[in-house]
Protein backbone atom coordinates (compact mmCIF):
# COMPACT_ATOMS: atom_id res chain seq x y z
CA UNK A 1 0.93 -31.17 24.01
CA UNK A 2 3.71 -33.81 24.29
CA UNK A 3 4.34 -35.90 21.21
CA UNK A 4 4.58 -39.68 21.61
CA UNK A 5 7.52 -41.81 20.55
CA UNK A 6 5.85 -43.19 17.41
CA UNK A 7 4.93 -39.70 16.16
CA UNK A 8 8.52 -38.55 16.69
CA UNK A 9 9.83 -41.61 14.84
CA UNK A 10 7.58 -40.87 11.88
CA UNK A 11 8.56 -37.19 11.87
CA UNK A 12 12.30 -38.01 11.91
CA UNK A 13 11.94 -40.49 9.04
CA UNK A 14 9.65 -38.23 7.01
CA UNK A 15 11.90 -35.19 7.47
CA UNK A 16 14.81 -37.28 6.19
CA UNK A 17 12.80 -38.37 3.14
CA UNK A 18 11.75 -34.78 2.41
CA UNK A 19 15.43 -33.76 2.42
CA UNK A 20 16.07 -36.09 -0.54
CA UNK A 21 16.09 -34.16 -3.83
CA UNK A 22 14.97 -35.86 -7.03
CA UNK A 23 15.36 -34.49 -10.56
CA UNK A 24 12.68 -34.09 -11.67
CA UNK A 25 10.95 -33.63 -8.31
CA UNK A 26 8.48 -36.31 -7.26
CA UNK A 27 5.34 -35.59 -5.25
CA UNK A 28 4.87 -37.58 -2.05
CA UNK A 29 1.62 -39.18 -0.91
CA UNK A 30 1.93 -39.15 2.88
CA UNK A 31 -0.36 -41.07 5.26
CA UNK A 32 -3.75 -39.48 5.90
CA UNK A 33 -3.07 -36.46 3.66
CA UNK A 34 -5.28 -35.92 0.62
CA UNK A 35 -3.38 -36.95 -2.51
CA UNK A 36 -3.52 -35.47 -4.97
CA UNK A 37 -4.69 -32.14 -3.56
CA UNK A 38 -8.31 -31.31 -4.34
CA UNK A 39 -8.89 -30.44 -7.97
CA UNK A 40 -5.63 -31.97 -9.20
CA UNK A 41 -5.07 -35.14 -11.23
CA UNK A 42 -3.11 -37.97 -9.68
CA UNK A 43 0.38 -37.98 -11.23
CA UNK A 44 1.71 -41.11 -12.95
CA UNK A 45 5.02 -40.83 -11.08
CA UNK A 46 5.05 -40.28 -7.30
CA UNK A 47 6.20 -41.67 -3.97
CA UNK A 48 3.80 -43.20 -1.44
CA UNK A 49 4.73 -43.44 2.25
CA UNK A 50 3.38 -46.11 4.61
CA UNK A 51 4.37 -46.17 8.29
CA UNK A 52 4.12 -49.55 10.04
CA UNK A 53 5.29 -49.69 13.67
CA UNK A 54 5.56 -53.10 15.34
CA UNK A 55 4.36 -53.84 18.89
CA UNK A 56 6.62 -52.32 21.56
CA UNK A 57 8.83 -54.74 23.48
CA UNK A 58 10.33 -54.43 26.96
CA UNK A 59 13.95 -55.54 26.64
CA UNK A 60 14.73 -55.67 30.36
CA UNK A 61 13.17 -57.09 33.51
CA UNK A 62 11.01 -54.49 35.21
CA UNK A 63 10.15 -51.05 33.88
CA UNK A 64 13.29 -50.71 31.72
CA UNK A 65 13.63 -49.37 28.22
CA UNK A 66 11.06 -50.08 25.57
CA UNK A 67 12.16 -51.20 22.12
CA UNK A 68 10.22 -49.66 19.24
CA UNK A 69 10.76 -51.28 15.86
CA UNK A 70 8.97 -51.05 12.57
CA UNK A 71 9.26 -50.03 8.97
CA UNK A 72 8.60 -47.04 6.82
CA UNK A 73 7.83 -48.17 3.31
CA UNK A 74 8.37 -45.72 0.47
CA UNK A 75 6.78 -47.01 -2.72
CA UNK A 76 8.06 -45.57 -5.99
CA UNK A 77 5.15 -45.42 -8.48
CA UNK A 78 5.80 -44.96 -12.20
CA UNK A 79 3.40 -44.95 -15.13
CA UNK A 80 3.50 -47.59 -17.82
CA UNK A 81 5.97 -47.30 -20.64
CA UNK A 82 8.84 -46.00 -18.48
CA UNK A 83 10.52 -49.38 -18.11
CA UNK A 84 11.91 -50.60 -14.80
CA UNK A 85 15.34 -48.98 -14.68
CA UNK A 86 14.32 -45.42 -13.75
CA UNK A 87 11.94 -46.47 -10.94
CA UNK A 88 14.58 -48.85 -9.57
CA UNK A 89 17.17 -46.05 -9.72
CA UNK A 90 14.80 -43.86 -7.69
CA UNK A 91 14.47 -46.70 -5.19
CA UNK A 92 18.28 -46.94 -5.04
CA UNK A 93 18.44 -43.21 -4.23
CA UNK A 94 16.07 -43.75 -1.30
CA UNK A 95 18.12 -46.73 -0.10
CA UNK A 96 21.33 -44.67 -0.24
CA UNK A 97 19.62 -41.83 1.67
CA UNK A 98 18.74 -44.18 4.58
CA UNK A 99 21.99 -46.15 5.07
CA UNK A 100 22.37 -48.85 7.70
CA UNK A 101 23.39 -47.32 11.06
CA UNK A 102 22.00 -43.87 10.14
CA UNK A 103 20.85 -42.14 13.33
CA UNK A 104 18.12 -39.49 13.28
CA UNK A 105 16.92 -37.38 16.22
CA UNK A 106 13.53 -35.86 16.86
CA UNK A 107 12.45 -34.29 20.17
CA UNK A 108 14.82 -36.46 22.21
CA UNK A 109 14.01 -39.66 20.32
CA UNK A 110 16.99 -41.40 18.69
CA UNK A 111 15.93 -43.35 15.59
CA UNK A 112 18.42 -45.84 14.15
CA UNK A 113 18.21 -47.54 10.76
CA UNK A 114 19.37 -51.00 11.85
CA UNK A 115 19.57 -52.78 8.49
CA UNK A 116 20.18 -51.75 4.91
CA UNK A 117 16.89 -50.80 3.24
CA UNK A 118 15.86 -52.93 0.28
CA UNK A 119 13.61 -52.72 -2.75
CA UNK A 120 11.11 -55.27 -3.98
CA UNK A 121 9.94 -54.45 -7.53
CA UNK A 122 6.41 -55.70 -8.17
CA UNK A 123 5.00 -56.85 -11.52
CA UNK A 124 3.37 -54.02 -13.52
CA UNK A 125 -0.34 -53.68 -12.78
CA UNK A 126 -3.12 -51.41 -14.07
CA UNK A 127 -0.77 -49.30 -16.16
CA UNK A 128 1.81 -48.61 -13.47
CA UNK A 129 4.96 -50.06 -11.98
CA UNK A 130 5.70 -49.96 -8.25
CA UNK A 131 8.95 -50.49 -6.36
CA UNK A 132 8.44 -50.56 -2.58
CA UNK A 133 11.51 -49.66 -0.50
CA UNK A 134 11.49 -51.03 3.06
CA UNK A 135 13.32 -48.98 5.70
CA UNK A 136 13.66 -50.76 9.07
CA UNK A 137 14.09 -48.63 12.19
CA UNK A 138 14.69 -49.18 15.90
CA UNK A 139 14.34 -46.92 18.96
CA UNK A 140 14.97 -47.55 22.65
CA UNK A 141 13.11 -45.26 25.02
């Protein structure tokens, strides 16, 4: 079964994220996958992935190439009492792992990170601190 462009974009970005090593390791809550696994307690410290493609745009007259843009947001979650430095350092590691102009390939799809990712720390809420990292991508197909 052929895989669509958006699925290949997500796979390229997710594979890149999974290649990033943290010490200590951090579990990842991926879209539409049970987290935590059945019978386990949700950890205080983890990453949460959200994939948000934008509408596709035709950049030429006629049936030319389609531009696919969007973001993958990786939210760094930390339990209360850890302060803000460690979660922001984790966010910085993600930013460094997805530098501007990084090109990823998946099944013939070329995914380009077209701007430097950025973090937006949020105020602590319900005993946890979250730092979303926004990774902007672009594909022409």
